[in-house]
Amino acid sequence: GAHDDRNKSRPVVITCVRPGGPADREGTIKPGDRLLSVDGIRLLGTTHAEAMSILKQCGQEATLLIEYDVSVMGMSET
């Protein structure tokens, strides 16, 4: 999560994906991924409350920019 102090802001990190939910069915988003933007709105530098507000404003579809660490890809499958 993020801090309320913008100077200490951290990226929004996916901690879990709801089993059977849209993200799980689509299969791209995994725990540990970093959510950088939602519908073109950058999340880095936002407070946790601001990031959650942006996410809650999404409609039925949203464009997400996700960053992942290549070094941990596939580790959950081994």
PDB file of N, CA and C in Angstrom:
ATOM      1  N   GLY A   1       0.813  -1.187   0.000  1.00  0.00           N
ATOM      2  CA  GLY A   1       0.000   0.000   0.000  1.00  0.00           C
ATOM      3  C   GLY A   1       0.852   1.244   0.000  1.00  0.00           C
ATOM      4  N   ALA A   2       0.206   2.358   0.021  1.00  0.00           N
ATOM      5  CA  ALA A   2       0.888   3.646  -0.035  1.00  0.00           C
ATOM      6  C   ALA A   2       0.831   4.315   1.326  1.00  0.00           C
ATOM      7  N   HIS A   3       1.668   5.306   1.501  1.00  0.00           N
ATOM      8  CA  HIS A   3       1.672   6.114   2.712  1.00  0.00           C
ATOM      9  C   HIS A   3       0.928   7.403   2.437  1.00  0.00           C
ATOM     10  N   ASP A   4       0.427   8.051   3.484  1.00  0.00           N
ATOM     11  CA  ASP A   4      -0.221   9.339   3.306  1.00  0.00           C
ATOM     12  C   ASP A   4       0.793  10.444   3.043  1.00  0.00           C
ATOM     13  N   ASP A   5       2.056  10.224   3.376  1.00  0.00           N
ATOM     14  CA  ASP A   5       3.113  11.186   3.079  1.00  0.00           C
ATOM     15  C   ASP A   5       3.573  10.948   1.642  1.00  0.00           C
ATOM     16  N   ARG A   6       3.331  11.919   0.759  1.00  0.00           N
ATOM     17  CA  ARG A   6       3.657  11.740  -0.660  1.00  0.00           C
ATOM     18  C   ARG A   6       5.137  11.447  -0.893  1.00  0.00           C
ATOM     19  N   ASN A   7       6.017  11.925  -0.010  1.00  0.00           N
ATOM     20  CA  ASN A   7       7.442  11.673  -0.171  1.00  0.00           C
ATOM     21  C   ASN A   7       7.801  10.222   0.115  1.00  0.00           C
ATOM     22  N   LYS A   8       6.937   9.514   0.803  1.00  0.00           N
ATOM     23  CA  LYS A   8       7.185   8.115   1.132  1.00  0.00           C
ATOM     24  C   LYS A   8       6.230   7.192   0.383  1.00  0.00           C
ATOM     25  N   SER A   9       5.578   7.699  -0.635  1.00  0.00           N
ATOM     26  CA  SER A   9       4.595   6.921  -1.376  1.00  0.00           C
ATOM     27  C   SER A   9       5.244   5.701  -2.014  1.00  0.00           C
ATOM     28  N   ARG A  10       4.542   4.616  -1.955  1.00  0.00           N
ATOM     29  CA  ARG A  10       5.005   3.375  -2.567  1.00  0.00           C
ATOM     30  C   ARG A  10       3.989   2.962  -3.615  1.00  0.00           C
ATOM     31  N   PRO A  11       4.415   2.133  -4.557  1.00  0.00           N
ATOM     32  CA  PRO A  11       3.459   1.705  -5.583  1.00  0.00           C
ATOM     33  C   PRO A  11       2.343   0.864  -4.979  1.00  0.00           C
ATOM     34  N   VAL A  12       1.220   0.847  -5.667  1.00  0.00           N
ATOM     35  CA  VAL A  12       0.109  -0.009  -5.266  1.00  0.00           C
ATOM     36  C   VAL A  12       0.468  -1.420  -5.722  1.00  0.00           C
ATOM     37  N   VAL A  13       0.561  -2.340  -4.773  1.00  0.00           N
ATOM     38  CA  VAL A  13       0.962  -3.710  -5.072  1.00  0.00           C
ATOM     39  C   VAL A  13      -0.248  -4.626  -4.921  1.00  0.00           C
ATOM     40  N   ILE A  14      -0.450  -5.480  -5.919  1.00  0.00           N
ATOM     41  CA  ILE A  14      -1.533  -6.462  -5.865  1.00  0.00           C
ATOM     42  C   ILE A  14      -1.153  -7.505  -4.816  1.00  0.00           C
ATOM     43  N   THR A  15      -1.985  -7.665  -3.796  1.00  0.00           N
ATOM     44  CA  THR A  15      -1.679  -8.640  -2.747  1.00  0.00           C
ATOM     45  C   THR A  15      -2.401  -9.963  -2.965  1.00  0.00           C
ATOM     46  N   CYS A  16      -3.562  -9.914  -3.599  1.00  0.00           N
ATOM     47  CA  CYS A  16      -4.266 -11.155  -3.915  1.00  0.00           C
ATOM     48  C   CYS A  16      -5.206 -10.905  -5.087  1.00  0.00           C
ATOM     49  N   VAL A  17      -5.543 -11.971  -5.771  1.00  0.00           N
ATOM     50  CA  VAL A  17      -6.496 -11.924  -6.874  1.00  0.00           C
ATOM     51  C   VAL A  17      -7.645 -12.842  -6.484  1.00  0.00           C
ATOM     52  N   ARG A  18      -8.862 -12.304  -6.476  1.00  0.00           N
ATOM     53  CA  ARG A  18     -10.021 -13.077  -6.040  1.00  0.00           C
ATOM     54  C   ARG A  18     -10.227 -14.290  -6.954  1.00  0.00           C
ATOM     55  N   PRO A  19     -10.178 -15.510  -6.381  1.00  0.00           N
ATOM     56  CA  PRO A  19     -10.400 -16.714  -7.187  1.00  0.00           C
ATOM     57  C   PRO A  19     -11.756 -16.655  -7.892  1.00  0.00           C
ATOM     58  N   GLY A  20     -11.737 -16.913  -9.188  1.00  0.00           N
ATOM     59  CA  GLY A  20     -12.966 -16.906  -9.977  1.00  0.00           C
ATOM     60  C   GLY A  20     -13.398 -15.532 -10.441  1.00  0.00           C
ATOM     61  N   GLY A  21     -12.726 -14.474  -9.966  1.00  0.00           N
ATOM     62  CA  GLY A  21     -13.071 -13.112 -10.370  1.00  0.00           C
ATOM     63  C   GLY A  21     -12.541 -12.808 -11.762  1.00  0.00           C
ATOM     64  N   PRO A  22     -12.892 -11.632 -12.292  1.00  0.00           N
ATOM     65  CA  PRO A  22     -12.474 -11.280 -13.653  1.00  0.00           C
ATOM     66  C   PRO A  22     -10.955 -11.319 -13.854  1.00  0.00           C
ATOM     67  N   ALA A  23     -10.193 -10.797 -12.904  1.00  0.00           N
ATOM     68  CA  ALA A  23      -8.733 -10.790 -13.057  1.00  0.00           C
ATOM     69  C   ALA A  23      -8.176 -12.211 -13.032  1.00  0.00           C
ATOM     70  N   ASP A  24      -8.741 -13.069 -12.189  1.00  0.00           N
ATOM     71  CA  ASP A  24      -8.311 -14.462 -12.122  1.00  0.00           C
ATOM     72  C   ASP A  24      -8.640 -15.176 -13.430  1.00  0.00           C
ATOM     73  N   ARG A  25      -9.835 -14.971 -13.946  1.00  0.00           N
ATOM     74  CA  ARG A  25     -10.243 -15.620 -15.195  1.00  0.00           C
ATOM     75  C   ARG A  25      -9.396 -15.142 -16.373  1.00  0.00           C
ATOM     76  N   GLU A  26      -9.044 -13.865 -16.379  1.00  0.00           N
ATOM     77  CA  GLU A  26      -8.227 -13.316 -17.463  1.00  0.00           C
ATOM     78  C   GLU A  26      -6.794 -13.827 -17.364  1.00  0.00           C
ATOM     79  N   GLY A  27      -6.278 -13.935 -16.139  1.00  0.00           N
ATOM     80  CA  GLY A  27      -5.015 -14.606 -15.901  1.00  0.00           C
ATOM     81  C   GLY A  27      -3.741 -13.789 -15.953  1.00  0.00           C
ATOM     82  N   THR A  28      -3.806 -12.515 -16.288  1.00  0.00           N
ATOM     83  CA  THR A  28      -2.591 -11.714 -16.421  1.00  0.00           C
ATOM     84  C   THR A  28      -2.103 -11.164 -15.088  1.00  0.00           C
ATOM     85  N   ILE A  29      -3.006 -10.688 -14.247  1.00  0.00           N
ATOM     86  CA  ILE A  29      -2.633 -10.036 -12.989  1.00  0.00           C
ATOM     87  C   ILE A  29      -2.333 -11.091 -11.928  1.00  0.00           C
ATOM     88  N   LYS A  30      -1.185 -10.923 -11.278  1.00  0.00           N
ATOM     89  CA  LYS A  30      -0.738 -11.866 -10.251  1.00  0.00           C
ATOM     90  C   LYS A  30      -0.357 -11.108  -8.982  1.00  0.00           C
ATOM     91  N   PRO A  31      -0.445 -11.759  -7.812  1.00  0.00           N
ATOM     92  CA  PRO A  31       0.031 -11.123  -6.582  1.00  0.00           C
ATOM     93  C   PRO A  31       1.494 -10.703  -6.731  1.00  0.00           C
ATOM     94  N   GLY A  32       1.808  -9.527  -6.228  1.00  0.00           N
ATOM     95  CA  GLY A  32       3.152  -8.981  -6.348  1.00  0.00           C
ATOM     96  C   GLY A  32       3.293  -7.981  -7.486  1.00  0.00           C
ATOM     97  N   ASP A  33       2.343  -8.003  -8.433  1.00  0.00           N
ATOM     98  CA  ASP A  33       2.365  -7.024  -9.525  1.00  0.00           C
ATOM     99  C   ASP A  33       2.127  -5.632  -8.963  1.00  0.00           C
ATOM    100  N   ARG A  34       2.673  -4.630  -9.629  1.00  0.00           N
ATOM    101  CA  ARG A  34       2.498  -3.236  -9.225  1.00  0.00           C
ATOM    102  C   ARG A  34       1.544  -2.551 -10.191  1.00  0.00           C
ATOM    103  N   LEU A  35       0.537  -1.895  -9.650  1.00  0.00           N
ATOM    104  CA  LEU A  35      -0.453  -1.173 -10.448  1.00  0.00           C
ATOM    105  C   LEU A  35       0.034   0.260 -10.617  1.00  0.00           C
ATOM    106  N   LEU A  36       0.405   0.627 -11.850  1.00  0.00           N
ATOM    107  CA  LEU A  36       0.990   1.940 -12.112  1.00  0.00           C
ATOM    108  C   LEU A  36      -0.043   2.981 -12.504  1.00  0.00           C
ATOM    109  N   SER A  37      -1.070   2.570 -13.257  1.00  0.00           N
ATOM    110  CA  SER A  37      -2.099   3.529 -13.654  1.00  0.00           C
ATOM    111  C   SER A  37      -3.410   2.817 -13.928  1.00  0.00           C
ATOM    112  N   VAL A  38      -4.490   3.579 -13.807  1.00  0.00           N
ATOM    113  CA  VAL A  38      -5.843   3.105 -14.084  1.00  0.00           C
ATOM    114  C   VAL A  38      -6.472   4.096 -15.051  1.00  0.00           C
ATOM    115  N   ASP A  39      -6.859   3.616 -16.227  1.00  0.00           N
ATOM    116  CA  ASP A  39      -7.452   4.480 -17.257  1.00  0.00           C
ATOM    117  C   ASP A  39      -6.605   5.726 -17.508  1.00  0.00           C
ATOM    118  N   GLY A  40      -5.286   5.554 -17.532  1.00  0.00           N
ATOM    119  CA  GLY A  40      -4.372   6.652 -17.820  1.00  0.00           C
ATOM    120  C   GLY A  40      -4.050   7.549 -16.642  1.00  0.00           C
ATOM    121  N   ILE A  41      -4.622   7.287 -15.478  1.00  0.00           N
ATOM    122  CA  ILE A  41      -4.348   8.087 -14.279  1.00  0.00           C
ATOM    123  C   ILE A  41      -3.221   7.409 -13.506  1.00  0.00           C
ATOM    124  N   ARG A  42      -2.072   8.089 -13.422  1.00  0.00           N
ATOM    125  CA  ARG A  42      -0.918   7.530 -12.712  1.00  0.00           C
ATOM    126  C   ARG A  42      -1.211   7.416 -11.219  1.00  0.00           C
ATOM    127  N   LEU A  43      -0.827   6.296 -10.631  1.00  0.00           N
ATOM    128  CA  LEU A  43      -1.050   6.084  -9.202  1.00  0.00           C
ATOM    129  C   LEU A  43       0.184   6.392  -8.366  1.00  0.00           C
ATOM    130  N   LEU A  44       1.368   6.370  -8.964  1.00  0.00           N
ATOM    131  CA  LEU A  44       2.577   6.659  -8.211  1.00  0.00           C
ATOM    132  C   LEU A  44       2.528   8.097  -7.720  1.00  0.00           C
ATOM    133  N   GLY A  45       2.733   8.289  -6.432  1.00  0.00           N
ATOM    134  CA  GLY A  45       2.664   9.617  -5.841  1.00  0.00           C
ATOM    135  C   GLY A  45       1.310   9.944  -5.244  1.00  0.00           C
ATOM    136  N   THR A  46       0.329   9.062  -5.451  1.00  0.00           N
ATOM    137  CA  THR A  46      -0.973   9.280  -4.825  1.00  0.00           C
ATOM    138  C   THR A  46      -0.968   8.644  -3.441  1.00  0.00           C
ATOM    139  N   THR A  47      -1.837   9.112  -2.588  1.00  0.00           N
ATOM    140  CA  THR A  47      -2.002   8.462  -1.288  1.00  0.00           C
ATOM    141  C   THR A  47      -2.797   7.179  -1.502  1.00  0.00           C
ATOM    142  N   HIS A  48      -2.781   6.328  -0.501  1.00  0.00           N
ATOM    143  CA  HIS A  48      -3.563   5.089  -0.580  1.00  0.00           C
ATOM    144  C   HIS A  48      -5.037   5.410  -0.802  1.00  0.00           C
ATOM    145  N   ALA A  49      -5.556   6.399  -0.074  1.00  0.00           N
ATOM    146  CA  ALA A  49      -6.972   6.779  -0.206  1.00  0.00           C
ATOM    147  C   ALA A  49      -7.273   7.269  -1.619  1.00  0.00           C
ATOM    148  N   GLU A  50      -6.356   8.057  -2.199  1.00  0.00           N
ATOM    149  CA  GLU A  50      -6.565   8.547  -3.569  1.00  0.00           C
ATOM    150  C   GLU A  50      -6.559   7.396  -4.571  1.00  0.00           C
ATOM    151  N   ALA A  51      -5.629   6.467  -4.407  1.00  0.00           N
ATOM    152  CA  ALA A  51      -5.558   5.319  -5.309  1.00  0.00           C
ATOM    153  C   ALA A  51      -6.831   4.485  -5.224  1.00  0.00           C
ATOM    154  N   MET A  52      -7.328   4.263  -4.023  1.00  0.00           N
ATOM    155  CA  MET A  52      -8.556   3.482  -3.866  1.00  0.00           C
ATOM    156  C   MET A  52      -9.752   4.217  -4.473  1.00  0.00           C
ATOM    157  N   SER A  53      -9.788   5.523  -4.344  1.00  0.00           N
ATOM    158  CA  SER A  53     -10.861   6.319  -4.932  1.00  0.00           C
ATOM    159  C   SER A  53     -10.852   6.192  -6.453  1.00  0.00           C
ATOM    160  N   ILE A  54      -9.673   6.246  -7.052  1.00  0.00           N
ATOM    161  CA  ILE A  54      -9.547   6.102  -8.507  1.00  0.00           C
ATOM    162  C   ILE A  54     -10.037   4.726  -8.939  1.00  0.00           C
ATOM    163  N   LEU A  55      -9.659   3.695  -8.203  1.00  0.00           N
ATOM    164  CA  LEU A  55     -10.091   2.337  -8.538  1.00  0.00           C
ATOM    165  C   LEU A  55     -11.602   2.178  -8.419  1.00  0.00           C
ATOM    166  N   LYS A  56     -12.183   2.783  -7.403  1.00  0.00           N
ATOM    167  CA  LYS A  56     -13.631   2.659  -7.191  1.00  0.00           C
ATOM    168  C   LYS A  56     -14.434   3.378  -8.260  1.00  0.00           C
ATOM    169  N   GLN A  57     -13.827   4.362  -8.951  1.00  0.00           N
ATOM    170  CA  GLN A  57     -14.532   5.114  -9.986  1.00  0.00           C
ATOM    171  C   GLN A  57     -14.570   4.381 -11.327  1.00  0.00           C
ATOM    172  N   CYS A  58     -13.867   3.265 -11.428  1.00  0.00           N
ATOM    173  CA  CYS A  58     -13.854   2.506 -12.683  1.00  0.00           C
ATOM    174  C   CYS A  58     -15.247   1.976 -12.982  1.00  0.00           C
ATOM    175  N   GLY A  59     -15.555   1.916 -14.245  1.00  0.00           N
ATOM    176  CA  GLY A  59     -16.823   1.334 -14.667  1.00  0.00           C
ATOM    177  C   GLY A  59     -16.671  -0.166 -14.843  1.00  0.00           C
ATOM    178  N   GLN A  60     -17.415  -0.715 -15.794  1.00  0.00           N
ATOM    179  CA  GLN A  60     -17.364  -2.154 -16.061  1.00  0.00           C
ATOM    180  C   GLN A  60     -16.023  -2.578 -16.656  1.00  0.00           C
ATOM    181  N   GLU A  61     -15.362  -1.656 -17.344  1.00  0.00           N
ATOM    182  CA  GLU A  61     -14.067  -1.954 -17.944  1.00  0.00           C
ATOM    183  C   GLU A  61     -13.083  -0.858 -17.575  1.00  0.00           C
ATOM    184  N   ALA A  62     -11.823  -1.233 -17.441  1.00  0.00           N
ATOM    185  CA  ALA A  62     -10.772  -0.262 -17.140  1.00  0.00           C
ATOM    186  C   ALA A  62      -9.487  -0.720 -17.814  1.00  0.00           C
ATOM    187  N   THR A  63      -8.652   0.238 -18.152  1.00  0.00           N
ATOM    188  CA  THR A  63      -7.335  -0.064 -18.703  1.00  0.00           C
ATOM    189  C   THR A  63      -6.322   0.096 -17.581  1.00  0.00           C
ATOM    190  N   LEU A  64      -5.627  -0.989 -17.268  1.00  0.00           N
ATOM    191  CA  LEU A  64      -4.658  -0.993 -16.180  1.00  0.00           C
ATOM    192  C   LEU A  64      -3.252  -1.101 -16.746  1.00  0.00           C
ATOM    193  N   LEU A  65      -2.328  -0.341 -16.179  1.00  0.00           N
ATOM    194  CA  LEU A  65      -0.918  -0.489 -16.513  1.00  0.00           C
ATOM    195  C   LEU A  65      -0.271  -1.199 -15.334  1.00  0.00           C
ATOM    196  N   ILE A  66       0.212  -2.411 -15.592  1.00  0.00           N
ATOM    197  CA  ILE A  66       0.756  -3.278 -14.555  1.00  0.00           C
ATOM    198  C   ILE A  66       2.248  -3.474 -14.805  1.00  0.00           C
ATOM    199  N   GLU A  67       3.025  -3.445 -13.729  1.00  0.00           N
ATOM    200  CA  GLU A  67       4.455  -3.741 -13.805  1.00  0.00           C
ATOM    201  C   GLU A  67       4.697  -4.989 -12.973  1.00  0.00           C
ATOM    202  N   TYR A  68       5.531  -5.879 -13.487  1.00  0.00           N
ATOM    203  CA  TYR A  68       5.849  -7.080 -12.725  1.00  0.00           C
ATOM    204  C   TYR A  68       7.347  -7.310 -12.768  1.00  0.00           C
ATOM    205  N   ASP A  69       7.833  -8.084 -11.826  1.00  0.00           N
ATOM    206  CA  ASP A  69       9.251  -8.395 -11.719  1.00  0.00           C
ATOM    207  C   ASP A  69       9.506  -9.706 -12.449  1.00  0.00           C
ATOM    208  N   VAL A  70      10.260  -9.640 -13.534  1.00  0.00           N
ATOM    209  CA  VAL A  70      10.521 -10.824 -14.347  1.00  0.00           C
ATOM    210  C   VAL A  70      11.211 -11.911 -13.530  1.00  0.00           C
ATOM    211  N   SER A  71      12.020 -11.535 -12.548  1.00  0.00           N
ATOM    212  CA  SER A  71      12.775 -12.523 -11.777  1.00  0.00           C
ATOM    213  C   SER A  71      11.888 -13.404 -10.910  1.00  0.00           C
ATOM    214  N   VAL A  72      10.643 -12.975 -10.637  1.00  0.00           N
ATOM    215  CA  VAL A  72       9.760 -13.799  -9.809  1.00  0.00           C
ATOM    216  C   VAL A  72       8.668 -14.474 -10.627  1.00  0.00           C
ATOM    217  N   MET A  73       8.666 -14.272 -11.936  1.00  0.00           N
ATOM    218  CA  MET A  73       7.654 -14.910 -12.783  1.00  0.00           C
ATOM    219  C   MET A  73       7.800 -16.425 -12.711  1.00  0.00           C
ATOM    220  N   GLY A  74       6.688 -17.103 -12.540  1.00  0.00           N
ATOM    221  CA  GLY A  74       6.679 -18.549 -12.548  1.00  0.00           C
ATOM    222  C   GLY A  74       7.118 -19.196 -11.251  1.00  0.00           C
ATOM    223  N   MET A  75       7.539 -18.417 -10.261  1.00  0.00           N
ATOM    224  CA  MET A  75       8.003 -19.006  -9.005  1.00  0.00           C
ATOM    225  C   MET A  75       6.882 -19.720  -8.270  1.00  0.00           C
ATOM    226  N   SER A  76       5.638 -19.226  -8.415  1.00  0.00           N
ATOM    227  CA  SER A  76       4.527 -19.867  -7.716  1.00  0.00           C
ATOM    228  C   SER A  76       4.161 -21.198  -8.359  1.00  0.00           C
ATOM    229  N   GLU A  77       4.651 -21.437  -9.570  1.00  0.00           N
ATOM    230  CA  GLU A  77       4.327 -22.669 -10.275  1.00  0.00           C
ATOM    231  C   GLU A  77       5.358 -23.758 -10.023  1.00  0.00           C
ATOM    232  N   THR A  78       6.467 -23.425  -9.352  1.00  0.00           N
ATOM    233  CA  THR A  78       7.526 -24.414  -9.145  1.00  0.00           C
ATOM    234  C   THR A  78       7.444 -25.022  -7.776  1.00  0.00           C
TER     235      THR A  78
END
